[in-house]
Amino acid sequence: MTWTELISNWNKHLRALARRFPHADAGALGASKDGPSAMSRVLAKSHDLTVGEAREALDDFLFVQGLARDTADIRRHDVA
């Protein structure tokens, strides 16, 4: 999943972000919609990570969310 896809359905993904990063304040996450660098700084501060570690965790989150979405799409179209 790309950053653009994340913010295109922000409310849905905000809940998933809050589950994955429970120490991050929802307001701070919302304020960091400007880009992954801003979000990484929020995650780093709230989860005692370096900004690089937080960016890696965010990238992993986006990857897993994309896989979940793709899997759901495949299952929806599976006629077997």
PDB file of N, CA and C in Angstrom:
ATOM      1  N   MET A   1       0.849  -1.165   0.000  1.00  0.00           N
ATOM      2  CA  MET A   1       0.000   0.000   0.000  1.00  0.00           C
ATOM      3  C   MET A   1       0.895   1.229   0.000  1.00  0.00           C
ATOM      4  N   THR A   2       0.489   2.204  -0.755  1.00  0.00           N
ATOM      5  CA  THR A   2       1.247   3.449  -0.816  1.00  0.00           C
ATOM      6  C   THR A   2       0.698   4.450   0.202  1.00  0.00           C
ATOM      7  N   TRP A   3       1.471   5.495   0.429  1.00  0.00           N
ATOM      8  CA  TRP A   3       1.028   6.553   1.331  1.00  0.00           C
ATOM      9  C   TRP A   3      -0.262   7.180   0.809  1.00  0.00           C
ATOM     10  N   THR A   4      -0.358   7.388  -0.486  1.00  0.00           N
ATOM     11  CA  THR A   4      -1.555   7.979  -1.089  1.00  0.00           C
ATOM     12  C   THR A   4      -2.775   7.111  -0.819  1.00  0.00           C
ATOM     13  N   GLU A   5      -2.613   5.798  -0.920  1.00  0.00           N
ATOM     14  CA  GLU A   5      -3.725   4.891  -0.629  1.00  0.00           C
ATOM     15  C   GLU A   5      -4.110   4.958   0.845  1.00  0.00           C
ATOM     16  N   LEU A   6      -3.119   5.102   1.704  1.00  0.00           N
ATOM     17  CA  LEU A   6      -3.388   5.213   3.136  1.00  0.00           C
ATOM     18  C   LEU A   6      -4.256   6.431   3.429  1.00  0.00           C
ATOM     19  N   ILE A   7      -3.869   7.576   2.919  1.00  0.00           N
ATOM     20  CA  ILE A   7      -4.623   8.785   3.257  1.00  0.00           C
ATOM     21  C   ILE A   7      -5.926   8.904   2.474  1.00  0.00           C
ATOM     22  N   SER A   8      -6.088   8.112   1.408  1.00  0.00           N
ATOM     23  CA  SER A   8      -7.344   8.178   0.650  1.00  0.00           C
ATOM     24  C   SER A   8      -8.513   7.605   1.451  1.00  0.00           C
ATOM     25  N   ASN A   9      -8.231   6.713   2.383  1.00  0.00           N
ATOM     26  CA  ASN A   9      -9.269   6.161   3.253  1.00  0.00           C
ATOM     27  C   ASN A   9      -8.758   6.279   4.691  1.00  0.00           C
ATOM     28  N   TRP A  10      -8.515   7.502   5.080  1.00  0.00           N
ATOM     29  CA  TRP A  10      -7.814   7.801   6.321  1.00  0.00           C
ATOM     30  C   TRP A  10      -8.502   7.224   7.552  1.00  0.00           C
ATOM     31  N   ASN A  11      -9.808   7.371   7.681  1.00  0.00           N
ATOM     32  CA  ASN A  11     -10.492   6.915   8.897  1.00  0.00           C
ATOM     33  C   ASN A  11     -10.334   5.420   9.112  1.00  0.00           C
ATOM     34  N   LYS A  12     -10.480   4.648   8.056  1.00  0.00           N
ATOM     35  CA  LYS A  12     -10.315   3.194   8.162  1.00  0.00           C
ATOM     36  C   LYS A  12      -8.886   2.854   8.569  1.00  0.00           C
ATOM     37  N   HIS A  13      -7.934   3.469   7.920  1.00  0.00           N
ATOM     38  CA  HIS A  13      -6.541   3.141   8.185  1.00  0.00           C
ATOM     39  C   HIS A  13      -6.051   3.722   9.504  1.00  0.00           C
ATOM     40  N   LEU A  14      -6.647   4.796   9.965  1.00  0.00           N
ATOM     41  CA  LEU A  14      -6.277   5.352  11.264  1.00  0.00           C
ATOM     42  C   LEU A  14      -6.553   4.338  12.371  1.00  0.00           C
ATOM     43  N   ARG A  15      -7.667   3.645  12.280  1.00  0.00           N
ATOM     44  CA  ARG A  15      -7.977   2.609  13.279  1.00  0.00           C
ATOM     45  C   ARG A  15      -6.922   1.502  13.249  1.00  0.00           C
ATOM     46  N   ALA A  16      -6.516   1.089  12.049  1.00  0.00           N
ATOM     47  CA  ALA A  16      -5.484   0.053  11.929  1.00  0.00           C
ATOM     48  C   ALA A  16      -4.140   0.559  12.459  1.00  0.00           C
ATOM     49  N   LEU A  17      -3.819   1.807  12.168  1.00  0.00           N
ATOM     50  CA  LEU A  17      -2.579   2.403  12.691  1.00  0.00           C
ATOM     51  C   LEU A  17      -2.610   2.435  14.217  1.00  0.00           C
ATOM     52  N   ALA A  18      -3.746   2.796  14.780  1.00  0.00           N
ATOM     53  CA  ALA A  18      -3.871   2.876  16.237  1.00  0.00           C
ATOM     54  C   ALA A  18      -3.736   1.492  16.880  1.00  0.00           C
ATOM     55  N   ARG A  19      -4.226   0.453  16.198  1.00  0.00           N
ATOM     56  CA  ARG A  19      -4.058  -0.910  16.718  1.00  0.00           C
ATOM     57  C   ARG A  19      -2.585  -1.338  16.647  1.00  0.00           C
ATOM     58  N   ARG A  20      -1.929  -0.995  15.556  1.00  0.00           N
ATOM     59  CA  ARG A  20      -0.526  -1.393  15.369  1.00  0.00           C
ATOM     60  C   ARG A  20       0.421  -0.575  16.241  1.00  0.00           C
ATOM     61  N   PHE A  21       0.091   0.682  16.451  1.00  0.00           N
ATOM     62  CA  PHE A  21       0.939   1.591  17.227  1.00  0.00           C
ATOM     63  C   PHE A  21       0.112   2.171  18.370  1.00  0.00           C
ATOM     64  N   PRO A  22      -0.155   1.370  19.402  1.00  0.00           N
ATOM     65  CA  PRO A  22      -1.112   1.777  20.447  1.00  0.00           C
ATOM     66  C   PRO A  22      -0.669   2.952  21.308  1.00  0.00           C
ATOM     67  N   HIS A  23       0.610   3.263  21.340  1.00  0.00           N
ATOM     68  CA  HIS A  23       1.070   4.373  22.176  1.00  0.00           C
ATOM     69  C   HIS A  23       0.996   5.719  21.466  1.00  0.00           C
ATOM     70  N   ALA A  24       0.694   5.694  20.185  1.00  0.00           N
ATOM     71  CA  ALA A  24       0.598   6.954  19.423  1.00  0.00           C
ATOM     72  C   ALA A  24      -0.780   7.568  19.635  1.00  0.00           C
ATOM     73  N   ASP A  25      -0.803   8.835  19.930  1.00  0.00           N
ATOM     74  CA  ASP A  25      -2.045   9.577  20.105  1.00  0.00           C
ATOM     75  C   ASP A  25      -2.733   9.739  18.749  1.00  0.00           C
ATOM     76  N   ALA A  26      -4.030   9.457  18.695  1.00  0.00           N
ATOM     77  CA  ALA A  26      -4.770   9.554  17.432  1.00  0.00           C
ATOM     78  C   ALA A  26      -4.701  10.967  16.858  1.00  0.00           C
ATOM     79  N   GLY A  27      -4.728  11.960  17.713  1.00  0.00           N
ATOM     80  CA  GLY A  27      -4.619  13.338  17.244  1.00  0.00           C
ATOM     81  C   GLY A  27      -3.271  13.618  16.599  1.00  0.00           C
ATOM     82  N   ALA A  28      -2.223  13.082  17.213  1.00  0.00           N
ATOM     83  CA  ALA A  28      -0.883  13.262  16.647  1.00  0.00           C
ATOM     84  C   ALA A  28      -0.752  12.521  15.325  1.00  0.00           C
ATOM     85  N   LEU A  29      -1.353  11.336  15.249  1.00  0.00           N
ATOM     86  CA  LEU A  29      -1.327  10.602  13.974  1.00  0.00           C
ATOM     87  C   LEU A  29      -2.060  11.394  12.900  1.00  0.00           C
ATOM     88  N   GLY A  30      -3.216  11.940  13.258  1.00  0.00           N
ATOM     89  CA  GLY A  30      -3.982  12.734  12.297  1.00  0.00           C
ATOM     90  C   GLY A  30      -3.228  13.955  11.822  1.00  0.00           C
ATOM     91  N   ALA A  31      -2.474  14.553  12.720  1.00  0.00           N
ATOM     92  CA  ALA A  31      -1.703  15.744  12.364  1.00  0.00           C
ATOM     93  C   ALA A  31      -0.502  15.395  11.496  1.00  0.00           C
ATOM     94  N   SER A  32      -0.147  14.111  11.433  1.00  0.00           N
ATOM     95  CA  SER A  32       1.029  13.707  10.669  1.00  0.00           C
ATOM     96  C   SER A  32       0.676  13.156   9.289  1.00  0.00           C
ATOM     97  N   LYS A  33      -0.510  13.482   8.807  1.00  0.00           N
ATOM     98  CA  LYS A  33      -0.947  13.009   7.493  1.00  0.00           C
ATOM     99  C   LYS A  33      -0.145  13.616   6.343  1.00  0.00           C
ATOM    100  N   ASP A  34       0.701  14.590   6.636  1.00  0.00           N
ATOM    101  CA  ASP A  34       1.453  15.270   5.583  1.00  0.00           C
ATOM    102  C   ASP A  34       2.388  14.344   4.832  1.00  0.00           C
ATOM    103  N   GLY A  35       2.818  13.289   5.464  1.00  0.00           N
ATOM    104  CA  GLY A  35       3.720  12.376   4.783  1.00  0.00           C
ATOM    105  C   GLY A  35       4.338  11.372   5.731  1.00  0.00           C
ATOM    106  N   PRO A  36       4.977  10.373   5.175  1.00  0.00           N
ATOM    107  CA  PRO A  36       5.556   9.327   6.019  1.00  0.00           C
ATOM    108  C   PRO A  36       6.668   9.827   6.942  1.00  0.00           C
ATOM    109  N   SER A  37       7.362  10.871   6.555  1.00  0.00           N
ATOM    110  CA  SER A  37       8.414  11.396   7.441  1.00  0.00           C
ATOM    111  C   SER A  37       7.805  11.978   8.710  1.00  0.00           C
ATOM    112  N   ALA A  38       6.730  12.726   8.572  1.00  0.00           N
ATOM    113  CA  ALA A  38       6.047  13.292   9.739  1.00  0.00           C
ATOM    114  C   ALA A  38       5.468  12.186  10.614  1.00  0.00           C
ATOM    115  N   MET A  39       4.869  11.190   9.986  1.00  0.00           N
ATOM    116  CA  MET A  39       4.299  10.067  10.730  1.00  0.00           C
ATOM    117  C   MET A  39       5.409   9.300  11.458  1.00  0.00           C
ATOM    118  N   SER A  40       6.534   9.122  10.811  1.00  0.00           N
ATOM    119  CA  SER A  40       7.651   8.413  11.440  1.00  0.00           C
ATOM    120  C   SER A  40       8.133   9.134  12.687  1.00  0.00           C
ATOM    121  N   ARG A  41       8.165  10.443  12.647  1.00  0.00           N
ATOM    122  CA  ARG A  41       8.588  11.208  13.831  1.00  0.00           C
ATOM    123  C   ARG A  41       7.608  11.010  14.987  1.00  0.00           C
ATOM    124  N   VAL A  42       6.317  11.006  14.691  1.00  0.00           N
ATOM    125  CA  VAL A  42       5.304  10.780  15.730  1.00  0.00           C
ATOM    126  C   VAL A  42       5.464   9.381  16.321  1.00  0.00           C
ATOM    127  N   LEU A  43       5.625   8.392  15.453  1.00  0.00           N
ATOM    128  CA  LEU A  43       5.771   7.015  15.926  1.00  0.00           C
ATOM    129  C   LEU A  43       7.052   6.829  16.725  1.00  0.00           C
ATOM    130  N   ALA A  44       8.122   7.466  16.290  1.00  0.00           N
ATOM    131  CA  ALA A  44       9.390   7.357  17.007  1.00  0.00           C
ATOM    132  C   ALA A  44       9.263   7.904  18.427  1.00  0.00           C
ATOM    133  N   LYS A  45       8.650   9.060  18.524  1.00  0.00           N
ATOM    134  CA  LYS A  45       8.507   9.697  19.835  1.00  0.00           C
ATOM    135  C   LYS A  45       7.608   8.881  20.761  1.00  0.00           C
ATOM    136  N   SER A  46       6.512   8.364  20.241  1.00  0.00           N
ATOM    137  CA  SER A  46       5.534   7.679  21.094  1.00  0.00           C
ATOM    138  C   SER A  46       5.911   6.236  21.406  1.00  0.00           C
ATOM    139  N   HIS A  47       6.800   5.638  20.623  1.00  0.00           N
ATOM    140  CA  HIS A  47       7.139   4.231  20.821  1.00  0.00           C
ATOM    141  C   HIS A  47       8.623   4.010  21.144  1.00  0.00           C
ATOM    142  N   ASP A  48       9.311   5.081  21.525  1.00  0.00           N
ATOM    143  CA  ASP A  48      10.707   4.989  21.919  1.00  0.00           C
ATOM    144  C   ASP A  48      11.556   4.295  20.847  1.00  0.00           C
ATOM    145  N   LEU A  49      11.419   4.786  19.622  1.00  0.00           N
ATOM    146  CA  LEU A  49      12.172   4.284  18.473  1.00  0.00           C
ATOM    147  C   LEU A  49      12.996   5.414  17.882  1.00  0.00           C
ATOM    148  N   THR A  50      13.992   5.060  17.102  1.00  0.00           N
ATOM    149  CA  THR A  50      14.639   6.081  16.295  1.00  0.00           C
ATOM    150  C   THR A  50      13.703   6.400  15.132  1.00  0.00           C
ATOM    151  N   VAL A  51      13.928   7.504  14.482  1.00  0.00           N
ATOM    152  CA  VAL A  51      13.088   7.853  13.328  1.00  0.00           C
ATOM    153  C   VAL A  51      13.245   6.792  12.238  1.00  0.00           C
ATOM    154  N   GLY A  52      14.449   6.281  12.061  1.00  0.00           N
ATOM    155  CA  GLY A  52      14.673   5.225  11.067  1.00  0.00           C
ATOM    156  C   GLY A  52      13.919   3.952  11.394  1.00  0.00           C
ATOM    157  N   GLU A  53      13.927   3.567  12.668  1.00  0.00           N
ATOM    158  CA  GLU A  53      13.179   2.378  13.089  1.00  0.00           C
ATOM    159  C   GLU A  53      11.679   2.584  12.899  1.00  0.00           C
ATOM    160  N   ALA A  54      11.223   3.775  13.229  1.00  0.00           N
ATOM    161  CA  ALA A  54       9.800   4.075  13.069  1.00  0.00           C
ATOM    162  C   ALA A  54       9.405   4.051  11.600  1.00  0.00           C
ATOM    163  N   ARG A  55      10.266   4.571  10.730  1.00  0.00           N
ATOM    164  CA  ARG A  55       9.976   4.554   9.298  1.00  0.00           C
ATOM    165  C   ARG A  55       9.913   3.118   8.790  1.00  0.00           C
ATOM    166  N   GLU A  56      10.809   2.273   9.267  1.00  0.00           N
ATOM    167  CA  GLU A  56      10.788   0.866   8.875  1.00  0.00           C
ATOM    168  C   GLU A  56       9.501   0.189   9.356  1.00  0.00           C
ATOM    169  N   ALA A  57       9.093   0.483  10.589  1.00  0.00           N
ATOM    170  CA  ALA A  57       7.849  -0.085  11.122  1.00  0.00           C
ATOM    171  C   ALA A  57       6.651   0.414  10.315  1.00  0.00           C
ATOM    172  N   LEU A  58       6.657   1.681   9.924  1.00  0.00           N
ATOM    173  CA  LEU A  58       5.573   2.226   9.110  1.00  0.00           C
ATOM    174  C   LEU A  58       5.561   1.572   7.736  1.00  0.00           C
ATOM    175  N   ASP A  59       6.725   1.421   7.125  1.00  0.00           N
ATOM    176  CA  ASP A  59       6.801   0.751   5.823  1.00  0.00           C
ATOM    177  C   ASP A  59       6.295  -0.686   5.920  1.00  0.00           C
ATOM    178  N   ASP A  60       6.653  -1.382   7.003  1.00  0.00           N
ATOM    179  CA  ASP A  60       6.162  -2.746   7.219  1.00  0.00           C
ATOM    180  C   ASP A  60       4.642  -2.754   7.359  1.00  0.00           C
ATOM    181  N   PHE A  61       4.117  -1.797   8.103  1.00  0.00           N
ATOM    182  CA  PHE A  61       2.667  -1.688   8.269  1.00  0.00           C
ATOM    183  C   PHE A  61       1.983  -1.504   6.915  1.00  0.00           C
ATOM    184  N   LEU A  62       2.509  -0.597   6.096  1.00  0.00           N
ATOM    185  CA  LEU A  62       1.915  -0.350   4.781  1.00  0.00           C
ATOM    186  C   LEU A  62       1.989  -1.594   3.907  1.00  0.00           C
ATOM    187  N   PHE A  63       3.093  -2.315   3.974  1.00  0.00           N
ATOM    188  CA  PHE A  63       3.255  -3.530   3.188  1.00  0.00           C
ATOM    189  C   PHE A  63       2.232  -4.588   3.596  1.00  0.00           C
ATOM    190  N   VAL A  64       2.103  -4.808   4.897  1.00  0.00           N
ATOM    191  CA  VAL A  64       1.162  -5.815   5.400  1.00  0.00           C
ATOM    192  C   VAL A  64      -0.281  -5.428   5.070  1.00  0.00           C
ATOM    193  N   GLN A  65      -0.604  -4.153   5.214  1.00  0.00           N
ATOM    194  CA  GLN A  65      -1.956  -3.701   4.876  1.00  0.00           C
ATOM    195  C   GLN A  65      -2.234  -3.911   3.390  1.00  0.00           C
ATOM    196  N   GLY A  66      -1.239  -3.672   2.559  1.00  0.00           N
ATOM    197  CA  GLY A  66      -1.393  -3.905   1.127  1.00  0.00           C
ATOM    198  C   GLY A  66      -1.599  -5.378   0.818  1.00  0.00           C
ATOM    199  N   LEU A  67      -0.849  -6.248   1.489  1.00  0.00           N
ATOM    200  CA  LEU A  67      -1.034  -7.690   1.302  1.00  0.00           C
ATOM    201  C   LEU A  67      -2.436  -8.121   1.720  1.00  0.00           C
ATOM    202  N   ALA A  68      -2.895  -7.612   2.844  1.00  0.00           N
ATOM    203  CA  ALA A  68      -4.236  -7.959   3.325  1.00  0.00           C
ATOM    204  C   ALA A  68      -5.299  -7.512   2.327  1.00  0.00           C
ATOM    205  N   ARG A  69      -5.139  -6.323   1.791  1.00  0.00           N
ATOM    206  CA  ARG A  69      -6.091  -5.819   0.802  1.00  0.00           C
ATOM    207  C   ARG A  69      -6.063  -6.664  -0.464  1.00  0.00           C
ATOM    208  N   ASP A  70      -4.865  -6.996  -0.928  1.00  0.00           N
ATOM    209  CA  ASP A  70      -4.738  -7.803  -2.140  1.00  0.00           C
ATOM    210  C   ASP A  70      -5.325  -9.194  -1.951  1.00  0.00           C
ATOM    211  N   THR A  71      -5.102  -9.774  -0.770  1.00  0.00           N
ATOM    212  CA  THR A  71      -5.654 -11.095  -0.479  1.00  0.00           C
ATOM    213  C   THR A  71      -7.173 -11.050  -0.462  1.00  0.00           C
ATOM    214  N   ALA A  72      -7.724 -10.019   0.132  1.00  0.00           N
ATOM    215  CA  ALA A  72      -9.187  -9.882   0.153  1.00  0.00           C
ATOM    216  C   ALA A  72      -9.729  -9.732  -1.260  1.00  0.00           C
ATOM    217  N   ASP A  73      -9.012  -8.987  -2.108  1.00  0.00           N
ATOM    218  CA  ASP A  73      -9.439  -8.822  -3.505  1.00  0.00           C
ATOM    219  C   ASP A  73      -9.415 -10.149  -4.237  1.00  0.00           C
ATOM    220  N   ILE A  74      -8.376 -10.956  -4.015  1.00  0.00           N
ATOM    221  CA  ILE A  74      -8.269 -12.256  -4.689  1.00  0.00           C
ATOM    222  C   ILE A  74      -9.406 -13.160  -4.232  1.00  0.00           C
ATOM    223  N   ARG A  75      -9.665 -13.184  -2.939  1.00  0.00           N
ATOM    224  CA  ARG A  75     -10.721 -14.059  -2.412  1.00  0.00           C
ATOM    225  C   ARG A  75     -12.092 -13.638  -2.937  1.00  0.00           C
ATOM    226  N   ARG A  76     -12.291 -12.347  -3.127  1.00  0.00           N
ATOM    227  CA  ARG A  76     -13.561 -11.868  -3.637  1.00  0.00           C
ATOM    228  C   ARG A  76     -13.808 -12.324  -5.067  1.00  0.00           C
ATOM    229  N   HIS A  77     -12.719 -12.476  -5.819  1.00  0.00           N
ATOM    230  CA  HIS A  77     -12.833 -12.839  -7.226  1.00  0.00           C
ATOM    231  C   HIS A  77     -12.611 -14.328  -7.473  1.00  0.00           C
ATOM    232  N   ASP A  78     -12.367 -15.076  -6.439  1.00  0.00           N
ATOM    233  CA  ASP A  78     -12.140 -16.513  -6.582  1.00  0.00           C
ATOM    234  C   ASP A  78     -13.485 -17.206  -6.790  1.00  0.00           C
ATOM    235  N   VAL A  79     -13.621 -17.871  -7.915  1.00  0.00           N
ATOM    236  CA  VAL A  79     -14.898 -18.521  -8.247  1.00  0.00           C
ATOM    237  C   VAL A  79     -14.878 -20.002  -7.924  1.00  0.00           C
ATOM    238  N   ALA A  80     -13.767 -20.525  -7.449  1.00  0.00           N
ATOM    239  CA  ALA A  80     -13.656 -21.969  -7.181  1.00  0.00           C
ATOM    240  C   ALA A  80     -14.386 -22.350  -5.929  1.00  0.00           C
TER     241      ALA A  80
END
